[in-house]
Amino acid sequence: MASGVPVVATMTAGAREIIDADKTGLLVPIGDAEALAEAMCELLDDPKRRERLAANARQMVSERFSLDRMITKTEQVYREVLERRQAGAIA
């Protein structure tokens, strides 16, 4: 997704968490090889859809998984733990 390539994935918990179906990628049922092949063929036949999915995915990845966001979220967790500890909530 970060490379700007459209993604076709199975509906695992992890994939469903990061892929918004038909917005940032395509999801197919687990174990359904025919659905997987069909989804890939659909993308091969539809350059505009490929480009839209790839662009949306790349934007989502840059927003949700950037280094700055990771640092900010990690610092937030540390601050919350320190605040609870100072409040006596953590021994």
PDB file of N, CA and C in Angstrom:
ATOM      1  N   MET A   1       0.826  -1.183   0.000  1.00  0.00           N
ATOM      2  CA  MET A   1       0.000   0.000   0.000  1.00  0.00           C
ATOM      3  C   MET A   1       0.876   1.254   0.000  1.00  0.00           C
ATOM      4  N   ALA A   2       1.924   1.251   0.781  1.00  0.00           N
ATOM      5  CA  ALA A   2       2.823   2.400   0.845  1.00  0.00           C
ATOM      6  C   ALA A   2       3.570   2.597  -0.466  1.00  0.00           C
ATOM      7  N   SER A   3       3.686   1.537  -1.248  1.00  0.00           N
ATOM      8  CA  SER A   3       4.393   1.622  -2.530  1.00  0.00           C
ATOM      9  C   SER A   3       3.489   2.085  -3.665  1.00  0.00           C
ATOM     10  N   GLY A   4       2.230   2.321  -3.375  1.00  0.00           N
ATOM     11  CA  GLY A   4       1.315   2.768  -4.401  1.00  0.00           C
ATOM     12  C   GLY A   4       0.826   1.643  -5.299  1.00  0.00           C
ATOM     13  N   VAL A   5       0.762   0.446  -4.748  1.00  0.00           N
ATOM     14  CA  VAL A   5       0.305  -0.714  -5.504  1.00  0.00           C
ATOM     15  C   VAL A   5      -1.062  -1.131  -4.941  1.00  0.00           C
ATOM     16  N   PRO A   6      -2.045  -1.376  -5.808  1.00  0.00           N
ATOM     17  CA  PRO A   6      -3.339  -1.810  -5.276  1.00  0.00           C
ATOM     18  C   PRO A   6      -3.217  -3.175  -4.610  1.00  0.00           C
ATOM     19  N   VAL A   7      -3.942  -3.343  -3.515  1.00  0.00           N
ATOM     20  CA  VAL A   7      -3.835  -4.561  -2.710  1.00  0.00           C
ATOM     21  C   VAL A   7      -5.107  -5.392  -2.832  1.00  0.00           C
ATOM     22  N   VAL A   8      -4.904  -6.694  -3.025  1.00  0.00           N
ATOM     23  CA  VAL A   8      -5.989  -7.669  -2.934  1.00  0.00           C
ATOM     24  C   VAL A   8      -5.572  -8.610  -1.817  1.00  0.00           C
ATOM     25  N   ALA A   9      -6.420  -8.727  -0.803  1.00  0.00           N
ATOM     26  CA  ALA A   9      -6.071  -9.547   0.359  1.00  0.00           C
ATOM     27  C   ALA A   9      -7.281 -10.361   0.805  1.00  0.00           C
ATOM     28  N   THR A  10      -7.000 -11.387   1.590  1.00  0.00           N
ATOM     29  CA  THR A  10      -8.094 -12.157   2.165  1.00  0.00           C
ATOM     30  C   THR A  10      -8.608 -11.451   3.420  1.00  0.00           C
ATOM     31  N   MET A  11      -9.802 -11.773   3.817  1.00  0.00           N
ATOM     32  CA  MET A  11     -10.489 -11.087   4.909  1.00  0.00           C
ATOM     33  C   MET A  11     -10.006 -11.532   6.287  1.00  0.00           C
ATOM     34  N   THR A  12      -8.703 -11.499   6.494  1.00  0.00           N
ATOM     35  CA  THR A  12      -8.175 -11.788   7.823  1.00  0.00           C
ATOM     36  C   THR A  12      -8.437 -10.584   8.719  1.00  0.00           C
ATOM     37  N   ALA A  13      -8.320 -10.783  10.010  1.00  0.00           N
ATOM     38  CA  ALA A  13      -8.565  -9.683  10.945  1.00  0.00           C
ATOM     39  C   ALA A  13      -7.615  -8.517  10.677  1.00  0.00           C
ATOM     40  N   GLY A  14      -6.346  -8.824  10.442  1.00  0.00           N
ATOM     41  CA  GLY A  14      -5.371  -7.761  10.190  1.00  0.00           C
ATOM     42  C   GLY A  14      -5.656  -7.001   8.919  1.00  0.00           C
ATOM     43  N   ALA A  15      -5.999  -7.713   7.866  1.00  0.00           N
ATOM     44  CA  ALA A  15      -6.295  -7.056   6.583  1.00  0.00           C
ATOM     45  C   ALA A  15      -7.546  -6.190   6.709  1.00  0.00           C
ATOM     46  N   ARG A  16      -8.566  -6.698   7.394  1.00  0.00           N
ATOM     47  CA  ARG A  16      -9.804  -5.924   7.547  1.00  0.00           C
ATOM     48  C   ARG A  16      -9.568  -4.668   8.385  1.00  0.00           C
ATOM     49  N   GLU A  17      -8.576  -4.735   9.242  1.00  0.00           N
ATOM     50  CA  GLU A  17      -8.274  -3.578  10.083  1.00  0.00           C
ATOM     51  C   GLU A  17      -7.661  -2.430   9.279  1.00  0.00           C
ATOM     52  N   ILE A  18      -6.876  -2.744   8.275  1.00  0.00           N
ATOM     53  CA  ILE A  18      -6.194  -1.669   7.549  1.00  0.00           C
ATOM     54  C   ILE A  18      -6.727  -1.416   6.137  1.00  0.00           C
ATOM     55  N   ILE A  19      -7.502  -2.345   5.592  1.00  0.00           N
ATOM     56  CA  ILE A  19      -8.018  -2.157   4.232  1.00  0.00           C
ATOM     57  C   ILE A  19      -9.498  -1.819   4.297  1.00  0.00           C
ATOM     58  N   ASP A  20      -9.845  -0.690   3.726  1.00  0.00           N
ATOM     59  CA  ASP A  20     -11.236  -0.283   3.588  1.00  0.00           C
ATOM     60  C   ASP A  20     -11.689  -0.813   2.230  1.00  0.00           C
ATOM     61  N   ALA A  21     -12.537  -1.830   2.249  1.00  0.00           N
ATOM     62  CA  ALA A  21     -12.923  -2.544   1.026  1.00  0.00           C
ATOM     63  C   ALA A  21     -13.407  -1.599  -0.069  1.00  0.00           C
ATOM     64  N   ASP A  22     -12.808  -1.748  -1.218  1.00  0.00           N
ATOM     65  CA  ASP A  22     -13.071  -0.986  -2.438  1.00  0.00           C
ATOM     66  C   ASP A  22     -12.766   0.498  -2.303  1.00  0.00           C
ATOM     67  N   LYS A  23     -12.069   0.876  -1.236  1.00  0.00           N
ATOM     68  CA  LYS A  23     -11.569   2.243  -1.117  1.00  0.00           C
ATOM     69  C   LYS A  23     -10.044   2.230  -1.113  1.00  0.00           C
ATOM     70  N   THR A  24      -9.462   1.363  -0.281  1.00  0.00           N
ATOM     71  CA  THR A  24      -8.003   1.283  -0.215  1.00  0.00           C
ATOM     72  C   THR A  24      -7.472  -0.076  -0.665  1.00  0.00           C
ATOM     73  N   GLY A  25      -8.359  -0.954  -1.091  1.00  0.00           N
ATOM     74  CA  GLY A  25      -7.951  -2.273  -1.558  1.00  0.00           C
ATOM     75  C   GLY A  25      -9.166  -3.164  -1.720  1.00  0.00           C
ATOM     76  N   LEU A  26      -8.923  -4.385  -2.093  1.00  0.00           N
ATOM     77  CA  LEU A  26     -10.000  -5.351  -2.254  1.00  0.00           C
ATOM     78  C   LEU A  26      -9.819  -6.485  -1.266  1.00  0.00           C
ATOM     79  N   LEU A  27     -10.922  -6.935  -0.688  1.00  0.00           N
ATOM     80  CA  LEU A  27     -10.906  -8.057   0.245  1.00  0.00           C
ATOM     81  C   LEU A  27     -11.740  -9.196  -0.329  1.00  0.00           C
ATOM     82  N   VAL A  28     -11.204 -10.395  -0.213  1.00  0.00           N
ATOM     83  CA  VAL A  28     -11.911 -11.582  -0.680  1.00  0.00           C
ATOM     84  C   VAL A  28     -11.974 -12.589   0.468  1.00  0.00           C
ATOM     85  N   PRO A  29     -12.935 -13.503   0.398  1.00  0.00           N
ATOM     86  CA  PRO A  29     -13.044 -14.498   1.471  1.00  0.00           C
ATOM     87  C   PRO A  29     -11.780 -15.358   1.603  1.00  0.00           C
ATOM     88  N   ILE A  30     -11.472 -15.715   2.826  1.00  0.00           N
ATOM     89  CA  ILE A  30     -10.325 -16.584   3.106  1.00  0.00           C
ATOM     90  C   ILE A  30     -10.556 -17.932   2.439  1.00  0.00           C
ATOM     91  N   GLY A  31      -9.544 -18.424   1.766  1.00  0.00           N
ATOM     92  CA  GLY A  31      -9.604 -19.739   1.141  1.00  0.00           C
ATOM     93  C   GLY A  31     -10.314 -19.781  -0.197  1.00  0.00           C
ATOM     94  N   ASP A  32     -10.765 -18.644  -0.696  1.00  0.00           N
ATOM     95  CA  ASP A  32     -11.496 -18.602  -1.967  1.00  0.00           C
ATOM     96  C   ASP A  32     -10.553 -18.158  -3.086  1.00  0.00           C
ATOM     97  N   ALA A  33      -9.831 -19.122  -3.641  1.00  0.00           N
ATOM     98  CA  ALA A  33      -8.849 -18.827  -4.684  1.00  0.00           C
ATOM     99  C   ALA A  33      -9.507 -18.220  -5.918  1.00  0.00           C
ATOM    100  N   GLU A  34     -10.707 -18.659  -6.213  1.00  0.00           N
ATOM    101  CA  GLU A  34     -11.414 -18.127  -7.385  1.00  0.00           C
ATOM    102  C   GLU A  34     -11.737 -16.644  -7.205  1.00  0.00           C
ATOM    103  N   ALA A  35     -12.191 -16.265  -6.017  1.00  0.00           N
ATOM    104  CA  ALA A  35     -12.480 -14.857  -5.739  1.00  0.00           C
ATOM    105  C   ALA A  35     -11.206 -14.019  -5.778  1.00  0.00           C
ATOM    106  N   LEU A  36     -10.122 -14.586  -5.287  1.00  0.00           N
ATOM    107  CA  LEU A  36      -8.836 -13.890  -5.320  1.00  0.00           C
ATOM    108  C   LEU A  36      -8.403 -13.638  -6.767  1.00  0.00           C
ATOM    109  N   ALA A  37      -8.468 -14.674  -7.581  1.00  0.00           N
ATOM    110  CA  ALA A  37      -8.088 -14.536  -8.992  1.00  0.00           C
ATOM    111  C   ALA A  37      -9.005 -13.549  -9.704  1.00  0.00           C
ATOM    112  N   GLU A  38     -10.304 -13.607  -9.417  1.00  0.00           N
ATOM    113  CA  GLU A  38     -11.259 -12.706 -10.055  1.00  0.00           C
ATOM    114  C   GLU A  38     -10.973 -11.253  -9.685  1.00  0.00           C
ATOM    115  N   ALA A  39     -10.685 -11.002  -8.416  1.00  0.00           N
ATOM    116  CA  ALA A  39     -10.380  -9.636  -7.974  1.00  0.00           C
ATOM    117  C   ALA A  39      -9.126  -9.113  -8.662  1.00  0.00           C
ATOM    118  N   MET A  40      -8.110  -9.944  -8.774  1.00  0.00           N
ATOM    119  CA  MET A  40      -6.877  -9.511  -9.441  1.00  0.00           C
ATOM    120  C   MET A  40      -7.133  -9.227 -10.921  1.00  0.00           C
ATOM    121  N   CYS A  41      -7.912 -10.087 -11.565  1.00  0.00           N
ATOM    122  CA  CYS A  41      -8.226  -9.875 -12.983  1.00  0.00           C
ATOM    123  C   CYS A  41      -9.033  -8.599 -13.187  1.00  0.00           C
ATOM    124  N   GLU A  42      -9.970  -8.341 -12.275  1.00  0.00           N
ATOM    125  CA  GLU A  42     -10.748  -7.103 -12.355  1.00  0.00           C
ATOM    126  C   GLU A  42      -9.837  -5.890 -12.323  1.00  0.00           C
ATOM    127  N   LEU A  43      -8.859  -5.903 -11.431  1.00  0.00           N
ATOM    128  CA  LEU A  43      -7.925  -4.776 -11.346  1.00  0.00           C
ATOM    129  C   LEU A  43      -7.037  -4.681 -12.570  1.00  0.00           C
ATOM    130  N   LEU A  44      -6.633  -5.810 -13.099  1.00  0.00           N
ATOM    131  CA  LEU A  44      -5.814  -5.791 -14.315  1.00  0.00           C
ATOM    132  C   LEU A  44      -6.581  -5.185 -15.488  1.00  0.00           C
ATOM    133  N   ASP A  45      -7.888  -5.384 -15.504  1.00  0.00           N
ATOM    134  CA  ASP A  45      -8.723  -4.880 -16.596  1.00  0.00           C
ATOM    135  C   ASP A  45      -9.225  -3.459 -16.383  1.00  0.00           C
ATOM    136  N   ASP A  46      -8.983  -2.879 -15.227  1.00  0.00           N
ATOM    137  CA  ASP A  46      -9.542  -1.561 -14.901  1.00  0.00           C
ATOM    138  C   ASP A  46      -8.457  -0.638 -14.332  1.00  0.00           C
ATOM    139  N   PRO A  47      -7.691   0.008 -15.222  1.00  0.00           N
ATOM    140  CA  PRO A  47      -6.587   0.863 -14.752  1.00  0.00           C
ATOM    141  C   PRO A  47      -7.040   2.015 -13.854  1.00  0.00           C
ATOM    142  N   LYS A  48      -8.192   2.587 -14.123  1.00  0.00           N
ATOM    143  CA  LYS A  48      -8.659   3.710 -13.295  1.00  0.00           C
ATOM    144  C   LYS A  48      -8.952   3.245 -11.868  1.00  0.00           C
ATOM    145  N   ARG A  49      -9.555   2.096 -11.737  1.00  0.00           N
ATOM    146  CA  ARG A  49      -9.832   1.550 -10.404  1.00  0.00           C
ATOM    147  C   ARG A  49      -8.536   1.226  -9.680  1.00  0.00           C
ATOM    148  N   ARG A  50      -7.587   0.630 -10.395  1.00  0.00           N
ATOM    149  CA  ARG A  50      -6.264   0.344  -9.809  1.00  0.00           C
ATOM    150  C   ARG A  50      -5.629   1.618  -9.286  1.00  0.00           C
ATOM    151  N   GLU A  51      -5.652   2.655 -10.104  1.00  0.00           N
ATOM    152  CA  GLU A  51      -5.029   3.919  -9.706  1.00  0.00           C
ATOM    153  C   GLU A  51      -5.741   4.537  -8.505  1.00  0.00           C
ATOM    154  N   ARG A  52      -7.076   4.471  -8.492  1.00  0.00           N
ATOM    155  CA  ARG A  52      -7.847   5.032  -7.376  1.00  0.00           C
ATOM    156  C   ARG A  52      -7.534   4.286  -6.082  1.00  0.00           C
ATOM    157  N   LEU A  53      -7.575   2.963  -6.129  1.00  0.00           N
ATOM    158  CA  LEU A  53      -7.276   2.166  -4.932  1.00  0.00           C
ATOM    159  C   LEU A  53      -5.858   2.426  -4.440  1.00  0.00           C
ATOM    160  N   ALA A  54      -4.910   2.450  -5.358  1.00  0.00           N
ATOM    161  CA  ALA A  54      -3.512   2.666  -4.992  1.00  0.00           C
ATOM    162  C   ALA A  54      -3.310   4.043  -4.368  1.00  0.00           C
ATOM    163  N   ALA A  55      -3.915   5.072  -4.960  1.00  0.00           N
ATOM    164  CA  ALA A  55      -3.763   6.432  -4.428  1.00  0.00           C
ATOM    165  C   ALA A  55      -4.407   6.553  -3.047  1.00  0.00           C
ATOM    166  N   ASN A  56      -5.603   5.996  -2.890  1.00  0.00           N
ATOM    167  CA  ASN A  56      -6.274   6.039  -1.589  1.00  0.00           C
ATOM    168  C   ASN A  56      -5.463   5.294  -0.527  1.00  0.00           C
ATOM    169  N   ALA A  57      -4.943   4.132  -0.910  1.00  0.00           N
ATOM    170  CA  ALA A  57      -4.161   3.331   0.034  1.00  0.00           C
ATOM    171  C   ALA A  57      -2.895   4.063   0.453  1.00  0.00           C
ATOM    172  N   ARG A  58      -2.217   4.636  -0.499  1.00  0.00           N
ATOM    173  CA  ARG A  58      -0.973   5.348  -0.187  1.00  0.00           C
ATOM    174  C   ARG A  58      -1.233   6.519   0.752  1.00  0.00           C
ATOM    175  N   GLN A  59      -2.316   7.249   0.502  1.00  0.00           N
ATOM    176  CA  GLN A  59      -2.668   8.371   1.371  1.00  0.00           C
ATOM    177  C   GLN A  59      -2.992   7.884   2.783  1.00  0.00           C
ATOM    178  N   MET A  60      -3.776   6.807   2.886  1.00  0.00           N
ATOM    179  CA  MET A  60      -4.136   6.268   4.191  1.00  0.00           C
ATOM    180  C   MET A  60      -2.895   5.819   4.960  1.00  0.00           C
ATOM    181  N   VAL A  61      -1.993   5.144   4.286  1.00  0.00           N
ATOM    182  CA  VAL A  61      -0.768   4.675   4.939  1.00  0.00           C
ATOM    183  C   VAL A  61       0.061   5.856   5.433  1.00  0.00           C
ATOM    184  N   SER A  62       0.182   6.885   4.611  1.00  0.00           N
ATOM    185  CA  SER A  62       0.990   8.033   5.030  1.00  0.00           C
ATOM    186  C   SER A  62       0.353   8.752   6.211  1.00  0.00           C
ATOM    187  N   GLU A  63      -0.978   8.724   6.308  1.00  0.00           N
ATOM    188  CA  GLU A  63      -1.651   9.371   7.433  1.00  0.00           C
ATOM    189  C   GLU A  63      -1.604   8.516   8.697  1.00  0.00           C
ATOM    190  N   ARG A  64      -1.847   7.214   8.571  1.00  0.00           N
ATOM    191  CA  ARG A  64      -1.966   6.349   9.750  1.00  0.00           C
ATOM    192  C   ARG A  64      -0.662   5.750  10.233  1.00  0.00           C
ATOM    193  N   PHE A  65       0.315   5.599   9.353  1.00  0.00           N
ATOM    194  CA  PHE A  65       1.521   4.859   9.724  1.00  0.00           C
ATOM    195  C   PHE A  65       2.813   5.644   9.511  1.00  0.00           C
ATOM    196  N   SER A  66       2.722   6.964   9.515  1.00  0.00           N
ATOM    197  CA  SER A  66       3.926   7.771   9.330  1.00  0.00           C
ATOM    198  C   SER A  66       4.791   7.713  10.586  1.00  0.00           C
ATOM    199  N   LEU A  67       6.055   8.005  10.433  1.00  0.00           N
ATOM    200  CA  LEU A  67       6.982   8.030  11.567  1.00  0.00           C
ATOM    201  C   LEU A  67       6.531   9.065  12.597  1.00  0.00           C
ATOM    202  N   ASP A  68       6.114  10.248  12.133  1.00  0.00           N
ATOM    203  CA  ASP A  68       5.663  11.288  13.055  1.00  0.00           C
ATOM    204  C   ASP A  68       4.466  10.828  13.881  1.00  0.00           C
ATOM    205  N   ARG A  69       3.517  10.164  13.227  1.00  0.00           N
ATOM    206  CA  ARG A  69       2.337   9.678  13.957  1.00  0.00           C
ATOM    207  C   ARG A  69       2.739   8.614  14.971  1.00  0.00           C
ATOM    208  N   MET A  70       3.632   7.710  14.576  1.00  0.00           N
ATOM    209  CA  MET A  70       4.079   6.658  15.483  1.00  0.00           C
ATOM    210  C   MET A  70       4.736   7.267  16.723  1.00  0.00           C
ATOM    211  N   ILE A  71       5.584   8.254  16.511  1.00  0.00           N
ATOM    212  CA  ILE A  71       6.262   8.913  17.630  1.00  0.00           C
ATOM    213  C   ILE A  71       5.248   9.606  18.529  1.00  0.00           C
ATOM    214  N   THR A  72       4.320  10.325  17.924  1.00  0.00           N
ATOM    215  CA  THR A  72       3.301  11.038  18.699  1.00  0.00           C
ATOM    216  C   THR A  72       2.464  10.074  19.533  1.00  0.00           C
ATOM    217  N   LYS A  73       2.026   8.967  18.933  1.00  0.00           N
ATOM    218  CA  LYS A  73       1.205   7.992  19.647  1.00  0.00           C
ATOM    219  C   LYS A  73       1.998   7.304  20.768  1.00  0.00           C
ATOM    220  N   THR A  74       3.271   7.008  20.520  1.00  0.00           N
ATOM    221  CA  THR A  74       4.110   6.383  21.548  1.00  0.00           C
ATOM    222  C   THR A  74       4.312   7.342  22.717  1.00  0.00           C
ATOM    223  N   GLU A  75       4.599   8.594  22.420  1.00  0.00           N
ATOM    224  CA  GLU A  75       4.757   9.592  23.483  1.00  0.00           C
ATOM    225  C   GLU A  75       3.465   9.749  24.278  1.00  0.00           C
ATOM    226  N   GLN A  76       2.330   9.690  23.592  1.00  0.00           N
ATOM    227  CA  GLN A  76       1.035   9.805  24.260  1.00  0.00           C
ATOM    228  C   GLN A  76       0.838   8.670  25.265  1.00  0.00           C
ATOM    229  N   VAL A  77       1.198   7.455  24.885  1.00  0.00           N
ATOM    230  CA  VAL A  77       1.084   6.311  25.798  1.00  0.00           C
ATOM    231  C   VAL A  77       1.976   6.524  27.019  1.00  0.00           C
ATOM    232  N   TYR A  78       3.205   6.969  26.801  1.00  0.00           N
ATOM    233  CA  TYR A  78       4.117   7.218  27.926  1.00  0.00           C
ATOM    234  C   TYR A  78       3.556   8.291  28.852  1.00  0.00           C
ATOM    235  N   ARG A  79       3.028   9.379  28.275  1.00  0.00           N
ATOM    236  CA  ARG A  79       2.469  10.451  29.109  1.00  0.00           C
ATOM    237  C   ARG A  79       1.300   9.947  29.943  1.00  0.00           C
ATOM    238  N   GLU A  80       0.426   9.141  29.318  1.00  0.00           N
ATOM    239  CA  GLU A  80      -0.731   8.612  30.042  1.00  0.00           C
ATOM    240  C   GLU A  80      -0.293   7.718  31.205  1.00  0.00           C
ATOM    241  N   VAL A  81       0.702   6.887  30.992  1.00  0.00           N
ATOM    242  CA  VAL A  81       1.202   6.015  32.052  1.00  0.00           C
ATOM    243  C   VAL A  81       1.808   6.850  33.171  1.00  0.00           C
ATOM    244  N   LEU A  82       2.601   7.838  32.823  1.00  0.00           N
ATOM    245  CA  LEU A  82       3.213   8.696  33.840  1.00  0.00           C
ATOM    246  C   LEU A  82       2.160   9.458  34.633  1.00  0.00           C
ATOM    247  N   GLU A  83       1.137   9.964  33.946  1.00  0.00           N
ATOM    248  CA  GLU A  83       0.077  10.700  34.639  1.00  0.00           C
ATOM    249  C   GLU A  83      -0.668   9.795  35.612  1.00  0.00           C
ATOM    250  N   ARG A  84      -0.966   8.557  35.189  1.00  0.00           N
ATOM    251  CA  ARG A  84      -1.646   7.619  36.095  1.00  0.00           C
ATOM    252  C   ARG A  84      -0.762   7.270  37.287  1.00  0.00           C
ATOM    253  N   ARG A  85       0.509   7.100  37.009  1.00  0.00           N
ATOM    254  CA  ARG A  85       1.442   6.752  38.103  1.00  0.00           C
ATOM    255  C   ARG A  85       1.508   7.910  39.105  1.00  0.00           C
ATOM    256  N   GLN A  86       1.602   9.138  38.587  1.00  0.00           N
ATOM    257  CA  GLN A  86       1.664  10.308  39.474  1.00  0.00           C
ATOM    258  C   GLN A  86       0.373  10.482  40.258  1.00  0.00           C
ATOM    259  N   ALA A  87      -0.732  10.044  39.663  1.00  0.00           N
ATOM    260  CA  ALA A  87      -2.030  10.140  40.351  1.00  0.00           C
ATOM    261  C   ALA A  87      -2.229   8.997  41.332  1.00  0.00           C
ATOM    262  N   GLY A  88      -1.288   8.036  41.361  1.00  0.00           N
ATOM    263  CA  GLY A  88      -1.381   6.925  42.278  1.00  0.00           C
ATOM    264  C   GLY A  88      -2.174   5.742  41.748  1.00  0.00           C
ATOM    265  N   ALA A  89      -2.510   5.784  40.491  1.00  0.00           N
ATOM    266  CA  ALA A  89      -3.315   4.703  39.906  1.00  0.00           C
ATOM    267  C   ALA A  89      -2.469   3.464  39.611  1.00  0.00           C
ATOM    268  N   ILE A  90      -1.150   3.657  39.455  1.00  0.00           N
ATOM    269  CA  ILE A  90      -0.244   2.543  39.188  1.00  0.00           C
ATOM    270  C   ILE A  90       0.778   2.468  40.309  1.00  0.00           C
ATOM    271  N   ALA A  91       0.908   1.339  40.905  1.00  0.00           N
ATOM    272  CA  ALA A  91       1.848   1.186  42.024  1.00  0.00           C
ATOM    273  C   ALA A  91       3.252   0.953  41.530  1.00  0.00           C
TER     274      ALA A  91
END
